[in-house]
Amino acid sequence: MKSVAYSANVPFIDVWGLFGGTWNSRAMYDSLHPNRTGYGLIAGYARAAVLNPSARSLS
């Protein structure tokens, strides 16, 4: 998905990479579900991606 997004020049939001590629107890309830902090991180990352489509994911 990442390569398709990049080739189409659209934002790619890598939530797994945003959380460090592992379960993050500060941002997640469990291994699949973000908590309030996690959703805040995702929202900030999505905002940056929308406002700057040429930005690239950390991973």
PDB file of N, CA and C in Angstrom:
ATOM      1  N   MET A   1       0.815  -1.186   0.000  1.00  0.00           N
ATOM      2  CA  MET A   1       0.000   0.000   0.000  1.00  0.00           C
ATOM      3  C   MET A   1       0.861   1.253   0.000  1.00  0.00           C
ATOM      4  N   LYS A   2       1.946   1.206   0.756  1.00  0.00           N
ATOM      5  CA  LYS A   2       2.800   2.383   0.845  1.00  0.00           C
ATOM      6  C   LYS A   2       3.349   2.775  -0.526  1.00  0.00           C
ATOM      7  N   SER A   3       3.841   1.812  -1.282  1.00  0.00           N
ATOM      8  CA  SER A   3       4.427   2.132  -2.585  1.00  0.00           C
ATOM      9  C   SER A   3       3.369   2.669  -3.549  1.00  0.00           C
ATOM     10  N   VAL A   4       2.146   2.146  -3.486  1.00  0.00           N
ATOM     11  CA  VAL A   4       1.067   2.652  -4.334  1.00  0.00           C
ATOM     12  C   VAL A   4       0.734   4.090  -3.954  1.00  0.00           C
ATOM     13  N   ALA A   5       0.642   4.358  -2.660  1.00  0.00           N
ATOM     14  CA  ALA A   5       0.346   5.721  -2.204  1.00  0.00           C
ATOM     15  C   ALA A   5       1.443   6.682  -2.647  1.00  0.00           C
ATOM     16  N   TYR A   6       2.687   6.291  -2.464  1.00  0.00           N
ATOM     17  CA  TYR A   6       3.789   7.166  -2.843  1.00  0.00           C
ATOM     18  C   TYR A   6       3.825   7.403  -4.347  1.00  0.00           C
ATOM     19  N   SER A   7       3.570   6.371  -5.138  1.00  0.00           N
ATOM     20  CA  SER A   7       3.599   6.555  -6.586  1.00  0.00           C
ATOM     21  C   SER A   7       2.441   7.425  -7.063  1.00  0.00           C
ATOM     22  N   ALA A   8       1.328   7.419  -6.334  1.00  0.00           N
ATOM     23  CA  ALA A   8       0.181   8.266  -6.672  1.00  0.00           C
ATOM     24  C   ALA A   8       0.266   9.634  -6.000  1.00  0.00           C
ATOM     25  N   ASN A   9       1.320   9.852  -5.216  1.00  0.00           N
ATOM     26  CA  ASN A   9       1.532  11.106  -4.490  1.00  0.00           C
ATOM     27  C   ASN A   9       0.364  11.454  -3.570  1.00  0.00           C
ATOM     28  N   VAL A  10      -0.084  10.439  -2.818  1.00  0.00           N
ATOM     29  CA  VAL A  10      -1.115  10.660  -1.803  1.00  0.00           C
ATOM     30  C   VAL A  10      -0.539  10.263  -0.446  1.00  0.00           C
ATOM     31  N   PRO A  11      -1.040  10.845   0.622  1.00  0.00           N
ATOM     32  CA  PRO A  11      -0.507  10.536   1.947  1.00  0.00           C
ATOM     33  C   PRO A  11      -0.702   9.065   2.309  1.00  0.00           C
ATOM     34  N   PHE A  12       0.260   8.527   3.004  1.00  0.00           N
ATOM     35  CA  PHE A  12       0.174   7.174   3.552  1.00  0.00           C
ATOM     36  C   PHE A  12       0.394   7.294   5.049  1.00  0.00           C
ATOM     37  N   ILE A  13      -0.587   6.894   5.821  1.00  0.00           N
ATOM     38  CA  ILE A  13      -0.494   7.013   7.270  1.00  0.00           C
ATOM     39  C   ILE A  13      -0.166   5.642   7.849  1.00  0.00           C
ATOM     40  N   ASP A  14       1.044   5.481   8.310  1.00  0.00           N
ATOM     41  CA  ASP A  14       1.538   4.224   8.847  1.00  0.00           C
ATOM     42  C   ASP A  14       1.387   4.245  10.370  1.00  0.00           C
ATOM     43  N   VAL A  15       0.227   3.805  10.839  1.00  0.00           N
ATOM     44  CA  VAL A  15      -0.062   3.826  12.273  1.00  0.00           C
ATOM     45  C   VAL A  15       0.891   2.904  13.024  1.00  0.00           C
ATOM     46  N   TRP A  16       1.179   1.747  12.464  1.00  0.00           N
ATOM     47  CA  TRP A  16       2.089   0.804  13.113  1.00  0.00           C
ATOM     48  C   TRP A  16       3.457   1.455  13.308  1.00  0.00           C
ATOM     49  N   GLY A  17       3.951   2.128  12.296  1.00  0.00           N
ATOM     50  CA  GLY A  17       5.227   2.841  12.404  1.00  0.00           C
ATOM     51  C   GLY A  17       5.149   3.990  13.387  1.00  0.00           C
ATOM     52  N   LEU A  18       4.021   4.676  13.410  1.00  0.00           N
ATOM     53  CA  LEU A  18       3.823   5.785  14.335  1.00  0.00           C
ATOM     54  C   LEU A  18       3.951   5.321  15.782  1.00  0.00           C
ATOM     55  N   PHE A  19       3.490   4.109  16.060  1.00  0.00           N
ATOM     56  CA  PHE A  19       3.565   3.551  17.409  1.00  0.00           C
ATOM     57  C   PHE A  19       4.856   2.789  17.660  1.00  0.00           C
ATOM     58  N   GLY A  20       5.815   2.922  16.768  1.00  0.00           N
ATOM     59  CA  GLY A  20       7.120   2.309  16.974  1.00  0.00           C
ATOM     60  C   GLY A  20       7.231   0.864  16.523  1.00  0.00           C
ATOM     61  N   GLY A  21       6.236   0.370  15.776  1.00  0.00           N
ATOM     62  CA  GLY A  21       6.286  -0.985  15.262  1.00  0.00           C
ATOM     63  C   GLY A  21       6.070  -2.071  16.296  1.00  0.00           C
ATOM     64  N   THR A  22       5.542  -1.690  17.422  1.00  0.00           N
ATOM     65  CA  THR A  22       5.298  -2.659  18.490  1.00  0.00           C
ATOM     66  C   THR A  22       4.153  -2.143  19.358  1.00  0.00           C
ATOM     67  N   TRP A  23       3.672  -2.990  20.245  1.00  0.00           N
ATOM     68  CA  TRP A  23       2.621  -2.558  21.159  1.00  0.00           C
ATOM     69  C   TRP A  23       3.158  -1.455  22.050  1.00  0.00           C
ATOM     70  N   ASN A  24       2.428  -0.365  22.118  1.00  0.00           N
ATOM     71  CA  ASN A  24       2.837   0.799  22.891  1.00  0.00           C
ATOM     72  C   ASN A  24       1.790   1.013  23.988  1.00  0.00           C
ATOM     73  N   SER A  25       2.116   0.663  25.211  1.00  0.00           N
ATOM     74  CA  SER A  25       1.138   0.709  26.309  1.00  0.00           C
ATOM     75  C   SER A  25       0.631   2.114  26.592  1.00  0.00           C
ATOM     76  N   ARG A  26       1.406   3.134  26.268  1.00  0.00           N
ATOM     77  CA  ARG A  26       0.934   4.506  26.502  1.00  0.00           C
ATOM     78  C   ARG A  26      -0.094   4.939  25.471  1.00  0.00           C
ATOM     79  N   ALA A  27      -0.102   4.302  24.283  1.00  0.00           N
ATOM     80  CA  ALA A  27      -0.989   4.742  23.207  1.00  0.00           C
ATOM     81  C   ALA A  27      -2.042   3.705  22.818  1.00  0.00           C
ATOM     82  N   MET A  28      -1.978   2.508  23.441  1.00  0.00           N
ATOM     83  CA  MET A  28      -2.883   1.445  23.010  1.00  0.00           C
ATOM     84  C   MET A  28      -3.515   0.710  24.196  1.00  0.00           C
ATOM     85  N   TYR A  29      -4.799   0.338  24.020  1.00  0.00           N
ATOM     86  CA  TYR A  29      -5.461  -0.498  25.013  1.00  0.00           C
ATOM     87  C   TYR A  29      -4.940  -1.923  24.947  1.00  0.00           C
ATOM     88  N   ASP A  30      -4.761  -2.407  23.722  1.00  0.00           N
ATOM     89  CA  ASP A  30      -4.240  -3.747  23.491  1.00  0.00           C
ATOM     90  C   ASP A  30      -3.478  -3.718  22.171  1.00  0.00           C
ATOM     91  N   SER A  31      -3.117  -4.871  21.637  1.00  0.00           N
ATOM     92  CA  SER A  31      -2.269  -4.908  20.447  1.00  0.00           C
ATOM     93  C   SER A  31      -2.965  -4.436  19.178  1.00  0.00           C
ATOM     94  N   LEU A  32      -4.263  -4.182  19.230  1.00  0.00           N
ATOM     95  CA  LEU A  32      -4.995  -3.742  18.041  1.00  0.00           C
ATOM     96  C   LEU A  32      -5.708  -2.402  18.179  1.00  0.00           C
ATOM     97  N   HIS A  33      -5.943  -1.946  19.388  1.00  0.00           N
ATOM     98  CA  HIS A  33      -6.826  -0.793  19.587  1.00  0.00           C
ATOM     99  C   HIS A  33      -6.128   0.372  20.294  1.00  0.00           C
ATOM    100  N   PRO A  34      -6.114   1.546  19.642  1.00  0.00           N
ATOM    101  CA  PRO A  34      -5.542   2.722  20.287  1.00  0.00           C
ATOM    102  C   PRO A  34      -6.429   3.213  21.427  1.00  0.00           C
ATOM    103  N   ASN A  35      -5.822   3.910  22.361  1.00  0.00           N
ATOM    104  CA  ASN A  35      -6.587   4.575  23.406  1.00  0.00           C
ATOM    105  C   ASN A  35      -6.675   6.067  23.044  1.00  0.00           C
ATOM    106  N   ARG A  36      -7.106   6.883  23.986  1.00  0.00           N
ATOM    107  CA  ARG A  36      -7.268   8.309  23.717  1.00  0.00           C
ATOM    108  C   ARG A  36      -5.960   8.937  23.242  1.00  0.00           C
ATOM    109  N   THR A  37      -4.862   8.613  23.874  1.00  0.00           N
ATOM    110  CA  THR A  37      -3.552   9.138  23.475  1.00  0.00           C
ATOM    111  C   THR A  37      -3.200   8.670  22.064  1.00  0.00           C
ATOM    112  N   GLY A  38      -3.459   7.401  21.781  1.00  0.00           N
ATOM    113  CA  GLY A  38      -3.176   6.851  20.463  1.00  0.00           C
ATOM    114  C   GLY A  38      -3.968   7.542  19.371  1.00  0.00           C
ATOM    115  N   TYR A  39      -5.251   7.767  19.622  1.00  0.00           N
ATOM    116  CA  TYR A  39      -6.067   8.472  18.637  1.00  0.00           C
ATOM    117  C   TYR A  39      -5.580   9.906  18.439  1.00  0.00           C
ATOM    118  N   GLY A  40      -5.109  10.526  19.495  1.00  0.00           N
ATOM    119  CA  GLY A  40      -4.539  11.874  19.358  1.00  0.00           C
ATOM    120  C   GLY A  40      -3.296  11.871  18.483  1.00  0.00           C
ATOM    121  N   LEU A  41      -2.439  10.872  18.665  1.00  0.00           N
ATOM    122  CA  LEU A  41      -1.244  10.753  17.820  1.00  0.00           C
ATOM    123  C   LEU A  41      -1.626  10.528  16.360  1.00  0.00           C
ATOM    124  N   ILE A  42      -2.602   9.653  16.123  1.00  0.00           N
ATOM    125  CA  ILE A  42      -3.053   9.384  14.765  1.00  0.00           C
ATOM    126  C   ILE A  42      -3.632  10.650  14.138  1.00  0.00           C
ATOM    127  N   ALA A  43      -4.440  11.381  14.894  1.00  0.00           N
ATOM    128  CA  ALA A  43      -5.052  12.608  14.370  1.00  0.00           C
ATOM    129  C   ALA A  43      -3.992  13.639  13.995  1.00  0.00           C
ATOM    130  N   GLY A  44      -2.979  13.793  14.832  1.00  0.00           N
ATOM    131  CA  GLY A  44      -1.911  14.738  14.517  1.00  0.00           C
ATOM    132  C   GLY A  44      -1.142  14.329  13.272  1.00  0.00           C
ATOM    133  N   TYR A  45      -0.894  13.042  13.136  1.00  0.00           N
ATOM    134  CA  TYR A  45      -0.180  12.521  11.974  1.00  0.00           C
ATOM    135  C   TYR A  45      -1.027  12.694  10.719  1.00  0.00           C
ATOM    136  N   ALA A  46      -2.342  12.432  10.818  1.00  0.00           N
ATOM    137  CA  ALA A  46      -3.246  12.595   9.684  1.00  0.00           C
ATOM    138  C   ALA A  46      -3.327  14.063   9.274  1.00  0.00           C
ATOM    139  N   ARG A  47      -3.375  14.945  10.247  1.00  0.00           N
ATOM    140  CA  ARG A  47      -3.415  16.382   9.946  1.00  0.00           C
ATOM    141  C   ARG A  47      -2.177  16.809   9.176  1.00  0.00           C
ATOM    142  N   ALA A  48      -1.020  16.366   9.632  1.00  0.00           N
ATOM    143  CA  ALA A  48       0.221  16.710   8.943  1.00  0.00           C
ATOM    144  C   ALA A  48       0.229  16.146   7.524  1.00  0.00           C
ATOM    145  N   ALA A  49      -0.283  14.928   7.345  1.00  0.00           N
ATOM    146  CA  ALA A  49      -0.309  14.303   6.020  1.00  0.00           C
ATOM    147  C   ALA A  49      -1.239  15.042   5.068  1.00  0.00           C
ATOM    148  N   VAL A  50      -2.376  15.503   5.577  1.00  0.00           N
ATOM    149  CA  VAL A  50      -3.329  16.226   4.734  1.00  0.00           C
ATOM    150  C   VAL A  50      -2.790  17.606   4.365  1.00  0.00           C
ATOM    151  N   LEU A  51      -2.183  18.284   5.336  1.00  0.00           N
ATOM    152  CA  LEU A  51      -1.664  19.623   5.069  1.00  0.00           C
ATOM    153  C   LEU A  51      -0.380  19.627   4.249  1.00  0.00           C
ATOM    154  N   ASN A  52       0.348  18.506   4.271  1.00  0.00           N
ATOM    155  CA  ASN A  52       1.596  18.412   3.512  1.00  0.00           C
ATOM    156  C   ASN A  52       1.649  17.050   2.818  1.00  0.00           C
ATOM    157  N   PRO A  53       0.938  16.898   1.676  1.00  0.00           N
ATOM    158  CA  PRO A  53       0.854  15.613   1.009  1.00  0.00           C
ATOM    159  C   PRO A  53       2.207  15.039   0.577  1.00  0.00           C
ATOM    160  N   SER A  54       3.216  15.876   0.451  1.00  0.00           N
ATOM    161  CA  SER A  54       4.519  15.350   0.038  1.00  0.00           C
ATOM    162  C   SER A  54       5.301  14.772   1.220  1.00  0.00           C
ATOM    163  N   ALA A  55       4.778  14.918   2.435  1.00  0.00           N
ATOM    164  CA  ALA A  55       5.429  14.342   3.609  1.00  0.00           C
ATOM    165  C   ALA A  55       5.413  12.831   3.510  1.00  0.00           C
ATOM    166  N   ARG A  56       6.421  12.207   4.069  1.00  0.00           N
ATOM    167  CA  ARG A  56       6.532  10.761   4.003  1.00  0.00           C
ATOM    168  C   ARG A  56       6.462  10.159   5.389  1.00  0.00           C
ATOM    169  N   SER A  57       5.991   8.937   5.451  1.00  0.00           N
ATOM    170  CA  SER A  57       5.910   8.201   6.706  1.00  0.00           C
ATOM    171  C   SER A  57       7.286   8.008   7.300  1.00  0.00           C
ATOM    172  N   LEU A  58       7.342   7.799   8.607  1.00  0.00           N
ATOM    173  CA  LEU A  58       8.605   7.546   9.292  1.00  0.00           C
ATOM    174  C   LEU A  58       9.216   6.226   8.867  1.00  0.00           C
ATOM    175  N   SER A  59       8.387   5.263   8.479  1.00  0.00           N
ATOM    176  CA  SER A  59       8.916   3.939   8.122  1.00  0.00           C
ATOM    177  C   SER A  59       9.155   3.810   6.643  1.00  0.00           C
TER     178      SER A  59
END
